[in-house]
Amino acid sequence: MRNTPVPTLRGWLERLDESGRLARARSGIPLRFTLAALAKRLDGRRATYFPEPDGHHSIPVVSGLVSTRAWIAEALGTDEAGLLDRYQQAIEAPLACRETARASVHEEVVRNVDLQRDLPIPVHNEHDSGPYITAGLVIAANPQTGDQNVSINRLQVSGPDRLGILMLPRDLHRFYDAAEARGEALAVAVVIGVDPATLLASQAILPLNADELEVAGALHGAPLPVVRCVSNPVRVPADAEIVIEGRLLPHERAREGPFGEFPQYYGPAGDRQVLVVDALTRRRDAIFHTIVPAAMEHLLLGAIPREASLLSLLRRSFPSVIDVHLPVGGVCRYHLYVQIRKRWDGEPRNIMMGAFAGHADIKQVVVVDEDVDVHDPQAVEWAVATRFQAGEDLVVVPGAQGSRLDPSARDGRVDKMGLDATRPLEAERFRFTVVHVPGEDDPEVERWLADG
C-alpha cells in the first residue's frame, strides 16, 4: 500500500493500468450510448479508456476513475478505515493555492469554439436531451468578495458555444443571483480532467466563500498550483486536462433536460441558465473525463463528502457516534446508517434528528449498536429485524424538505423516517446475546477438513 496521494490524473491512470484496473476499448467507439454502456458494464471493476471515440483522434475519454471506496482511499494515500477522517482533516485545515503564470492546460487555446467538434462529449442515457458534460468542475468567484467556489453541475450542449446548466440553490446559484441583480454575466470555468483528490474536494460541504481548491491542496499535502483563465480572472488547476471558459448570462434562460440523475430516474426538463463559451484551453494530448450518471463514480463522489460532514457534525453533539454510512441502496444520498456506543435509550432519536438537520437529502436514518457493521447492509437489516419494533422505535417526520431529484418528493417535500435498531440498555441476560461458536472466526479450524 503506497501511503502518499496520487498527485495527477495521469499518475492515477498509470496506477490503475499497472494493477490491471484499467480496461482499454477499441478505437472509434460511438459517443452516443455505447461509450457509457461499456463504462457502466465495467462499473466498480475497472476504469475504462476510450481512444479516438467517434473520430476524435486527438482526445481520448476516460470513465470510472474512482468507482470504489478502496480506490478513492488509495488515491488519497490512506485506507478505507481512515478515508472519512482524512477528508475531514483536509476540510478543517485547507491550504491556500499557489498561483502560477504558466500551465500545461494552456498549451493549446481555441477561441472559435465548437464544443462537439472540439471535445468528445457523450450522450449517456436513453432519454437524455443531448450530449452532457458530467465531470466538469464549475468554478466561479463571488462577485462581492472574489472568493471562489467549485461544484459539479450537469451541462447540456445546446449549441456550438452554448451550455445549459442545472444549478441547485447553493453557492454557485448565489454568486449568479448577485451578478444577475447587477445585470452582469458571471465569469466561470469548467475544468475537465483532474486528479482524484481535486475531484473529491470539489464536492466538499463548506461555508460560503470557502474555496474547495484549498481542500484539494490539503488532500495533496501541498498547495494546489492554479492559473488564471485566458479570457477571465477565474483561477483553475494548472495541471488540468481541459478548461472551458465562459460566462453565465444574466436574464437568459433556455430549455435544459431531461437528464438521467443519481436516483436512477430522469431529472426533468426546465428553463435554466445559459453558459456562453469564450475560449477553450487544453493540453496538447488532453484527456476527457466523463462520469456515467448513477454509476458508482457518481454515487461515491457525492457520498464520501456527505459522510465526512455528517460524521463530524454528529460527533460534535453525540460523542457516542462511531461511524456513518450512506448505502448504495439509498443512492448514497437518502438513507443513512449510524453506528453508536449507546449511553441512553432515548439517544438514537436525538441522533436521527441531528442527521435530518445535517443534510436535507437524508430521508431515512437507521441507528445501530457498535457490534453492527454499518458498511454491511445485510448486518443493518439483521439489526432492524431483531432489535426494532415499529410501535416503539419508529420516528416519522412528515412534510420535511428533501431532495428535489427524489421522484417521490412533493415539490421537494418528503416524509422522513428514523429507525432505532439498538438494544435496550436494560435487557435480561441472553435476550440480545448474539450466538457465537468458539473458533468459527479462526482460519486454523479448517485444518480439520478431510480434503484440506
Protein backbone atom coordinates (compact mmCIF):
# COMPACT_ATOMS: atom_id res chain seq x y z
CA MET A 1 0.00 0.00 0.00
CA ARG A 2 1.52 3.33 -1.08
CA ASN A 3 0.82 5.93 1.57
CA THR A 4 1.12 9.13 -0.45
CA PRO A 5 -1.62 10.79 -2.52
CA VAL A 6 -1.54 10.41 -6.29
CA PRO A 7 -0.98 14.00 -7.48
CA THR A 8 -2.17 13.84 -11.11
CA LEU A 9 -4.87 12.26 -13.24
CA ARG A 10 -2.20 10.70 -15.44
CA GLY A 11 -0.43 9.23 -12.43
CA TRP A 12 -3.69 7.67 -11.28
CA LEU A 13 -4.36 6.22 -14.73
CA GLU A 14 -0.87 4.69 -14.69
CA ARG A 15 -1.57 3.18 -11.24
CA LEU A 16 -4.83 1.68 -12.46
CA ASP A 17 -3.18 0.35 -15.62
CA GLU A 18 -0.25 -1.22 -13.75
CA SER A 19 -2.63 -3.03 -11.41
CA GLY A 20 -5.00 -4.36 -14.08
CA ARG A 21 -7.81 -1.96 -13.18
CA LEU A 22 -7.89 -0.04 -16.49
CA ALA A 23 -9.71 -1.54 -19.48
CA ARG A 24 -8.92 -0.25 -22.96
CA ALA A 25 -11.69 -0.07 -25.52
CA ARG A 26 -11.17 -0.35 -29.26
CA SER A 27 -10.78 2.88 -31.22
CA GLY A 28 -13.83 4.60 -32.62
CA ILE A 29 -16.47 3.64 -30.05
CA PRO A 30 -19.70 5.63 -30.59
CA LEU A 31 -20.20 8.55 -28.22
CA ARG A 32 -23.96 8.06 -28.32
CA PHE A 33 -24.83 5.44 -25.65
CA THR A 34 -22.16 2.82 -26.48
CA LEU A 35 -19.31 4.50 -24.61
CA ALA A 36 -21.44 4.92 -21.48
CA ALA A 37 -22.82 1.39 -21.83
CA LEU A 38 -19.35 -0.18 -21.76
CA ALA A 39 -18.19 2.02 -18.88
CA LYS A 40 -21.28 1.06 -16.88
CA ARG A 41 -20.78 -2.65 -17.63
CA LEU A 42 -17.33 -2.40 -16.01
CA ASP A 43 -18.53 -0.14 -13.19
CA GLY A 44 -16.73 -0.83 -9.92
CA ARG A 45 -14.41 -3.40 -11.50
CA ARG A 46 -12.27 -1.47 -13.97
CA ALA A 47 -11.96 2.10 -15.18
CA THR A 48 -12.22 2.46 -18.97
CA TYR A 49 -10.02 4.24 -21.52
CA PHE A 50 -11.57 5.04 -24.90
CA PRO A 51 -9.08 6.04 -27.65
CA GLU A 52 -10.33 8.06 -30.64
CA PRO A 53 -14.03 7.91 -29.77
CA ASP A 54 -16.29 8.64 -32.75
CA GLY A 55 -13.41 10.03 -34.80
CA HIS A 56 -11.98 12.38 -32.14
CA HIS A 57 -8.41 11.40 -32.93
CA SER A 58 -6.62 13.70 -30.51
CA ILE A 59 -8.65 13.35 -27.29
CA PRO A 60 -9.43 10.03 -25.58
CA VAL A 61 -12.19 9.63 -22.98
CA VAL A 62 -11.81 8.01 -19.55
CA SER A 63 -14.52 6.95 -17.10
CA GLY A 64 -14.88 5.09 -13.79
CA LEU A 65 -11.70 6.53 -12.27
CA VAL A 66 -12.89 6.42 -8.66
CA SER A 67 -15.62 3.81 -8.67
CA THR A 68 -14.85 2.04 -5.37
CA ARG A 69 -14.16 3.33 -1.88
CA ALA A 70 -10.90 1.44 -1.79
CA TRP A 71 -9.69 3.21 -4.95
CA ILE A 72 -10.59 6.62 -3.55
CA ALA A 73 -8.79 5.88 -0.30
CA GLU A 74 -5.73 4.67 -2.21
CA ALA A 75 -5.68 7.80 -4.37
CA LEU A 76 -5.72 9.93 -1.21
CA GLY A 77 -2.90 7.94 0.36
CA THR A 78 -4.96 6.26 3.09
CA ASP A 79 -7.15 3.19 3.61
CA GLU A 80 -10.92 2.78 3.76
CA ALA A 81 -11.00 2.96 7.56
CA GLY A 82 -9.20 6.30 7.53
CA LEU A 83 -10.97 7.80 4.49
CA LEU A 84 -13.57 9.99 6.22
CA ASP A 85 -11.13 11.28 8.84
CA ARG A 86 -8.57 12.07 6.13
CA TYR A 87 -11.16 14.02 4.18
CA GLN A 88 -12.46 15.90 7.21
CA GLN A 89 -8.93 16.86 8.27
CA ALA A 90 -8.41 18.47 4.86
CA ILE A 91 -11.63 20.46 5.26
CA GLU A 92 -10.55 21.68 8.68
CA ALA A 93 -7.01 22.62 7.57
CA PRO A 94 -7.14 23.81 3.93
CA LEU A 95 -4.03 25.03 2.12
CA ALA A 96 -4.07 28.24 0.09
CA CYS A 97 -3.44 27.68 -3.63
CA ARG A 98 -0.18 28.60 -5.35
CA GLU A 99 -0.77 30.76 -8.42
CA THR A 100 1.49 30.29 -11.43
CA ALA A 101 1.76 32.21 -14.70
CA ARG A 102 2.35 29.21 -16.97
CA ALA A 103 0.45 25.92 -17.05
CA SER A 104 0.16 22.79 -19.17
CA VAL A 105 -3.58 23.36 -19.51
CA HIS A 106 -2.75 26.43 -21.65
CA GLU A 107 -0.68 24.51 -24.21
CA GLU A 108 -3.50 24.93 -26.74
CA VAL A 109 -6.02 27.78 -26.84
CA VAL A 110 -9.15 27.68 -29.02
CA ARG A 111 -11.12 30.91 -29.44
CA ASN A 112 -13.75 29.94 -32.02
CA VAL A 113 -15.19 27.04 -30.05
CA ASP A 114 -17.48 24.34 -31.36
CA LEU A 115 -17.97 22.05 -28.38
CA GLN A 116 -18.90 18.86 -30.23
CA ARG A 117 -16.17 19.40 -32.83
CA ASP A 118 -13.50 20.17 -30.25
CA LEU A 119 -14.43 17.71 -27.47
CA PRO A 120 -15.68 14.07 -27.36
CA ILE A 121 -18.84 14.68 -25.31
CA PRO A 122 -21.01 11.55 -24.85
CA VAL A 123 -24.75 11.03 -24.80
CA HIS A 124 -25.22 8.79 -21.76
CA ASN A 125 -28.83 7.70 -21.18
CA GLU A 126 -31.67 6.73 -23.48
CA HIS A 127 -33.82 9.82 -22.87
CA ASP A 128 -31.11 12.41 -22.17
CA SER A 129 -31.80 15.58 -24.13
CA GLY A 130 -28.38 15.53 -25.78
CA PRO A 131 -24.64 15.34 -25.06
CA TYR A 132 -23.71 16.26 -21.48
CA ILE A 133 -20.52 17.23 -19.71
CA THR A 134 -20.80 15.32 -16.44
CA ALA A 135 -17.34 15.57 -14.85
CA GLY A 136 -16.76 19.30 -15.26
CA LEU A 137 -15.73 21.28 -12.17
CA VAL A 138 -17.60 24.57 -12.46
CA ILE A 139 -15.52 27.33 -10.84
CA ALA A 140 -16.78 30.87 -10.24
CA ALA A 141 -15.94 33.78 -7.96
CA ASN A 142 -18.31 35.60 -5.63
CA PRO A 143 -18.92 38.98 -7.36
CA GLN A 144 -18.95 40.69 -3.97
CA THR A 145 -15.83 39.16 -2.38
CA GLY A 146 -13.82 37.45 -5.13
CA ASP A 147 -13.80 34.14 -3.22
CA GLN A 148 -14.12 31.10 -5.46
CA ASN A 149 -16.47 28.13 -5.32
CA VAL A 150 -16.19 24.76 -7.05
CA SER A 151 -19.07 22.42 -7.89
CA ILE A 152 -20.00 19.74 -10.40
CA ASN A 153 -23.11 20.64 -12.39
CA ARG A 154 -24.75 18.88 -15.28
CA LEU A 155 -24.03 20.77 -18.50
CA GLN A 156 -26.06 20.15 -21.64
CA VAL A 157 -24.57 21.02 -25.02
CA SER A 158 -27.26 23.22 -26.57
CA GLY A 159 -25.24 24.90 -29.34
CA PRO A 160 -21.70 25.13 -30.71
CA ASP A 161 -20.71 27.54 -27.91
CA ARG A 162 -23.68 27.19 -25.54
CA LEU A 163 -24.27 25.03 -22.47
CA GLY A 164 -27.41 24.69 -20.39
CA ILE A 165 -26.69 24.31 -16.67
CA LEU A 166 -28.65 22.97 -13.69
CA MET A 167 -27.74 24.97 -10.58
CA LEU A 168 -29.12 23.85 -7.23
CA PRO A 169 -29.76 26.56 -4.59
CA ARG A 170 -26.18 26.56 -3.33
CA ASP A 171 -23.11 28.79 -3.59
CA LEU A 172 -22.85 28.97 -7.39
CA HIS A 173 -26.50 29.96 -7.65
CA ARG A 174 -25.95 32.68 -5.03
CA PHE A 175 -22.99 34.05 -6.99
CA TYR A 176 -25.07 34.04 -10.17
CA ASP A 177 -28.01 35.77 -8.46
CA ALA A 178 -25.70 38.52 -7.18
CA ALA A 179 -24.26 39.08 -10.67
CA GLU A 180 -27.67 38.95 -12.34
CA ALA A 181 -29.05 41.52 -9.89
CA ARG A 182 -26.42 43.90 -11.26
CA GLY A 183 -27.27 42.95 -14.84
CA GLU A 184 -23.85 41.34 -15.22
CA ALA A 185 -22.70 37.96 -16.53
CA LEU A 186 -20.87 35.67 -14.11
CA ALA A 187 -17.43 34.52 -15.32
CA VAL A 188 -16.97 30.78 -14.96
CA ALA A 189 -14.58 27.99 -15.90
CA VAL A 190 -15.50 24.35 -16.48
CA VAL A 191 -12.50 22.16 -15.65
CA ILE A 192 -12.42 18.64 -17.11
CA GLY A 193 -9.77 16.08 -16.20
CA VAL A 194 -8.31 16.48 -12.71
CA ASP A 195 -6.70 14.14 -10.20
CA PRO A 196 -8.91 12.15 -7.78
CA ALA A 197 -8.17 14.38 -4.76
CA THR A 198 -9.21 17.55 -6.59
CA LEU A 199 -12.27 15.77 -7.98
CA LEU A 200 -13.33 14.71 -4.47
CA ALA A 201 -12.50 18.11 -2.97
CA SER A 202 -14.91 19.75 -5.41
CA GLN A 203 -17.75 18.08 -3.51
CA ALA A 204 -16.72 19.30 -0.05
CA ILE A 205 -19.51 20.76 2.05
CA LEU A 206 -18.09 24.14 3.05
CA PRO A 207 -19.30 27.55 4.26
CA LEU A 208 -19.95 30.26 1.68
CA ASN A 209 -16.72 31.79 0.30
CA ALA A 210 -14.56 28.80 1.26
CA ASP A 211 -12.61 27.50 -1.77
CA GLU A 212 -12.73 23.77 -2.46
CA LEU A 213 -9.40 24.01 -4.30
CA GLU A 214 -7.78 24.74 -0.94
CA VAL A 215 -9.22 21.45 0.35
CA ALA A 216 -7.64 19.78 -2.68
CA GLY A 217 -4.29 21.22 -1.64
CA ALA A 218 -4.71 19.80 1.85
CA LEU A 219 -5.56 16.38 0.42
CA HIS A 220 -2.39 16.58 -1.71
CA GLY A 221 -0.31 17.73 1.24
CA ALA A 222 0.90 20.76 -0.76
CA PRO A 223 -0.68 23.92 -2.19
CA LEU A 224 -2.54 23.25 -5.43
CA PRO A 225 -0.97 25.06 -8.43
CA VAL A 226 -3.57 27.26 -10.15
CA VAL A 227 -3.51 29.56 -13.17
CA ARG A 228 -5.84 32.33 -14.31
CA CYS A 229 -8.00 31.69 -17.36
CA VAL A 230 -7.02 33.36 -20.63
CA SER A 231 -10.37 35.16 -21.03
CA ASN A 232 -11.45 35.84 -17.43
CA PRO A 233 -9.88 36.02 -13.95
CA VAL A 234 -11.12 32.65 -12.66
CA ARG A 235 -8.29 30.51 -11.24
CA VAL A 236 -8.21 26.84 -12.31
CA PRO A 237 -5.97 23.84 -11.53
CA ALA A 238 -2.83 24.31 -13.61
CA ASP A 239 -2.44 20.57 -14.24
CA ALA A 240 -5.98 20.06 -15.54
CA GLU A 241 -6.55 18.50 -18.94
CA ILE A 242 -9.21 20.84 -20.38
CA VAL A 243 -10.82 24.14 -19.37
CA ILE A 244 -13.93 25.67 -20.94
CA GLU A 245 -14.01 29.40 -20.19
CA GLY A 246 -17.22 31.35 -20.38
CA ARG A 247 -19.98 33.41 -18.79
CA LEU A 248 -23.35 32.65 -17.24
CA LEU A 249 -25.62 35.16 -18.95
CA PRO A 250 -27.99 37.34 -16.90
CA HIS A 251 -31.74 37.20 -17.58
CA GLU A 252 -31.41 34.47 -20.21
CA ARG A 253 -32.93 31.00 -19.94
CA ALA A 254 -33.15 28.03 -22.30
CA ARG A 255 -34.56 24.52 -22.14
CA GLU A 256 -32.30 22.00 -20.37
CA GLY A 257 -33.05 18.33 -19.65
CA PRO A 258 -34.30 15.72 -19.14
CA PHE A 259 -31.17 14.01 -17.88
CA GLY A 260 -30.54 10.71 -16.04
CA GLU A 261 -29.62 11.51 -12.44
CA PHE A 262 -28.18 9.71 -9.39
CA PRO A 263 -31.53 8.31 -8.12
CA GLN A 264 -31.60 6.32 -11.42
CA TYR A 265 -34.51 8.39 -12.69
CA TYR A 266 -34.56 11.35 -15.07
CA GLY A 267 -34.26 14.86 -13.73
CA PRO A 268 -36.99 16.85 -15.51
CA ALA A 269 -36.52 19.46 -18.20
CA GLY A 270 -36.80 23.15 -17.34
CA ASP A 271 -35.88 26.64 -18.45
CA ARG A 272 -32.43 27.15 -16.98
CA GLN A 273 -29.41 29.43 -17.08
CA VAL A 274 -27.17 29.60 -20.14
CA LEU A 275 -23.37 29.44 -20.27
CA VAL A 276 -21.79 31.01 -23.36
CA VAL A 277 -18.26 29.79 -24.16
CA ASP A 278 -15.49 32.34 -24.82
CA ALA A 279 -12.44 30.07 -25.06
CA LEU A 280 -11.24 26.51 -24.67
CA THR A 281 -7.78 25.65 -23.33
CA ARG A 282 -6.23 22.20 -23.08
CA ARG A 283 -3.09 20.15 -23.04
CA ARG A 284 -1.78 19.08 -26.45
CA ASP A 285 -2.56 15.46 -25.56
CA ALA A 286 -5.61 16.18 -23.42
CA ILE A 287 -7.81 13.50 -21.83
CA PHE A 288 -11.59 13.97 -21.45
CA HIS A 289 -13.21 12.57 -18.30
CA THR A 290 -16.90 11.61 -18.24
CA ILE A 291 -18.89 10.33 -15.27
CA VAL A 292 -21.67 7.89 -16.14
CA PRO A 293 -24.77 9.08 -14.24
CA ALA A 294 -25.91 6.85 -11.35
CA ALA A 295 -22.81 4.63 -11.67
CA MET A 296 -20.55 4.16 -8.65
CA GLU A 297 -18.19 7.01 -9.54
CA HIS A 298 -21.15 9.39 -9.49
CA LEU A 299 -22.59 7.97 -6.26
CA LEU A 300 -19.32 7.84 -4.29
CA LEU A 301 -18.25 11.37 -5.20
CA GLY A 302 -21.45 12.51 -3.52
CA ALA A 303 -21.38 10.02 -0.65
CA ILE A 304 -17.93 10.49 0.87
CA PRO A 305 -18.09 14.28 1.40
CA ARG A 306 -21.58 13.93 2.89
CA GLU A 307 -20.48 11.11 5.16
CA ALA A 308 -17.48 13.10 6.39
CA SER A 309 -19.65 16.15 7.05
CA LEU A 310 -22.36 14.16 8.84
CA LEU A 311 -19.86 12.20 10.92
CA SER A 312 -18.15 15.39 12.07
CA LEU A 313 -21.47 17.10 12.79
CA LEU A 314 -22.94 14.19 14.75
CA ARG A 315 -19.77 13.54 16.76
CA ARG A 316 -19.75 17.16 17.97
CA SER A 317 -23.15 16.71 19.58
CA PHE A 318 -23.08 12.96 20.24
CA PRO A 319 -19.69 11.54 21.29
CA SER A 320 -21.27 8.08 21.18
CA VAL A 321 -21.32 8.14 17.34
CA ILE A 322 -18.66 5.80 15.95
CA ASP A 323 -19.28 5.68 12.20
CA VAL A 324 -21.79 6.54 9.46
CA HIS A 325 -22.52 5.16 6.01
CA LEU A 326 -24.67 6.23 3.05
CA PRO A 327 -25.50 2.88 1.38
CA VAL A 328 -25.80 2.32 -2.34
CA GLY A 329 -29.38 1.11 -1.87
CA GLY A 330 -30.27 4.62 -0.73
CA VAL A 331 -28.45 6.05 -3.79
CA CYS A 332 -25.65 7.22 -1.45
CA ARG A 333 -27.80 10.24 -0.54
CA TYR A 334 -31.16 9.39 1.01
CA HIS A 335 -30.52 6.60 3.56
CA LEU A 336 -28.02 6.87 6.41
CA TYR A 337 -26.75 4.18 8.79
CA VAL A 338 -25.29 5.40 12.10
CA GLN A 339 -23.24 3.19 14.43
CA ILE A 340 -23.17 4.24 18.09
CA ARG A 341 -21.95 3.17 21.52
CA LYS A 342 -25.29 3.89 23.20
CA ARG A 343 -25.36 5.73 26.51
CA TRP A 344 -29.10 6.37 26.96
CA ASP A 345 -32.15 4.70 25.48
CA GLY A 346 -33.50 7.97 24.03
CA GLU A 347 -30.21 8.94 22.40
CA PRO A 348 -30.85 7.31 18.99
CA ARG A 349 -33.87 9.59 18.44
CA ASN A 350 -31.76 12.69 19.07
CA ILE A 351 -29.15 11.37 16.64
CA MET A 352 -31.83 10.86 13.98
CA MET A 353 -32.91 14.49 14.34
CA GLY A 354 -29.31 15.65 14.13
CA ALA A 355 -28.84 13.66 10.91
CA PHE A 356 -32.01 15.07 9.33
CA ALA A 357 -30.85 18.58 10.19
CA GLY A 358 -27.32 17.83 8.95
CA HIS A 359 -28.33 17.34 5.32
CA ALA A 360 -31.72 17.92 3.75
CA ASP A 361 -31.38 14.94 1.38
CA ILE A 362 -31.44 12.41 4.25
CA LYS A 363 -34.88 10.79 4.42
CA GLN A 364 -34.18 7.60 6.39
CA VAL A 365 -31.82 7.02 9.32
CA VAL A 366 -31.13 3.65 10.94
CA VAL A 367 -29.22 3.75 14.23
CA VAL A 368 -27.42 0.54 15.25
CA ASP A 369 -25.14 -0.68 18.03
CA GLU A 370 -21.37 -0.88 17.88
CA ASP A 371 -21.46 -4.61 17.06
CA VAL A 372 -23.25 -3.94 13.74
CA ASP A 373 -21.13 -3.08 10.69
CA VAL A 374 -22.76 -0.05 9.04
CA HIS A 375 -20.91 -0.81 5.81
CA ASP A 376 -22.76 -4.13 5.54
CA PRO A 377 -26.43 -3.62 4.54
CA GLN A 378 -27.21 -7.23 5.47
CA ALA A 379 -25.94 -6.63 9.02
CA VAL A 380 -28.05 -3.46 9.30
CA GLU A 381 -31.12 -5.33 8.02
CA TRP A 382 -30.48 -8.03 10.65
CA ALA A 383 -30.38 -5.36 13.36
CA VAL A 384 -33.70 -3.92 12.14
CA ALA A 385 -35.21 -7.42 12.03
CA THR A 386 -34.17 -8.32 15.59
CA ARG A 387 -33.85 -5.04 17.53
CA PHE A 388 -36.60 -2.82 16.11
CA GLN A 389 -40.34 -2.58 16.84
CA ALA A 390 -42.32 -0.10 14.74
CA GLY A 391 -44.70 0.78 17.58
CA GLU A 392 -41.85 1.87 19.87
CA ASP A 393 -38.76 2.51 17.78
CA LEU A 394 -40.06 4.37 14.71
CA VAL A 395 -39.84 8.16 14.24
CA VAL A 396 -41.72 9.81 11.34
CA VAL A 397 -41.28 13.45 10.32
CA PRO A 398 -43.88 14.34 7.66
CA GLY A 399 -43.51 17.08 5.06
CA ALA A 400 -39.85 17.99 5.62
CA GLN A 401 -37.56 19.49 2.98
CA GLY A 402 -35.77 16.82 0.96
CA SER A 403 -34.13 16.36 -2.42
CA ARG A 404 -35.88 17.83 -5.44
CA LEU A 405 -34.40 15.00 -7.51
CA ASP A 406 -36.30 12.42 -5.43
CA PRO A 407 -39.18 11.42 -7.75
CA SER A 408 -41.38 10.55 -4.75
CA ALA A 409 -40.99 14.07 -3.30
CA ARG A 410 -43.84 16.58 -3.46
CA ASP A 411 -42.24 19.83 -4.62
CA GLY A 412 -39.13 18.84 -2.68
CA ARG A 413 -41.03 17.83 0.48
CA VAL A 414 -40.60 14.29 1.81
CA ASP A 415 -41.61 12.24 4.84
CA LYS A 416 -38.54 11.30 6.88
CA MET A 417 -38.20 8.14 8.94
CA GLY A 418 -35.87 7.09 11.73
CA LEU A 419 -35.44 3.52 12.97
CA ASP A 420 -33.89 2.78 16.34
CA ALA A 421 -32.36 -0.66 15.81
CA THR A 422 -30.33 -0.64 19.02
CA ARG A 423 -30.68 -2.95 22.02
CA PRO A 424 -32.34 -1.60 25.17
CA LEU A 425 -29.68 -0.83 27.75
CA GLU A 426 -31.58 -2.78 30.40
CA ALA A 427 -32.43 -6.18 28.96
CA GLU A 428 -32.48 -9.64 30.52
CA ARG A 429 -29.37 -11.73 30.00
CA PHE A 430 -29.19 -13.64 26.69
CA ARG A 431 -32.15 -11.76 25.17
CA PHE A 432 -29.79 -9.88 22.82
CA THR A 433 -26.68 -12.04 23.14
CA VAL A 434 -25.55 -12.97 19.65
CA VAL A 435 -24.84 -16.68 19.15
CA HIS A 436 -21.21 -17.49 18.53
CA VAL A 437 -19.33 -20.74 18.02
CA PRO A 438 -15.83 -20.55 19.54
CA GLY A 439 -13.32 -20.94 16.72
CA GLU A 440 -15.68 -20.03 13.86
CA ASP A 441 -13.59 -16.95 13.06
CA ASP A 442 -10.26 -18.81 13.23
CA PRO A 443 -8.98 -19.97 9.81
CA GLU A 444 -6.92 -22.61 11.61
CA VAL A 445 -10.09 -24.60 12.24
CA GLU A 446 -10.06 -25.56 8.55
CA ARG A 447 -7.13 -27.90 9.22
CA TRP A 448 -9.79 -30.38 10.25
CA LEU A 449 -11.10 -30.60 6.68
CA ALA A 450 -10.54 -34.02 5.18
CA ASP A 451 -9.62 -32.50 1.83
CA GLY A 452 -7.74 -29.52 3.32
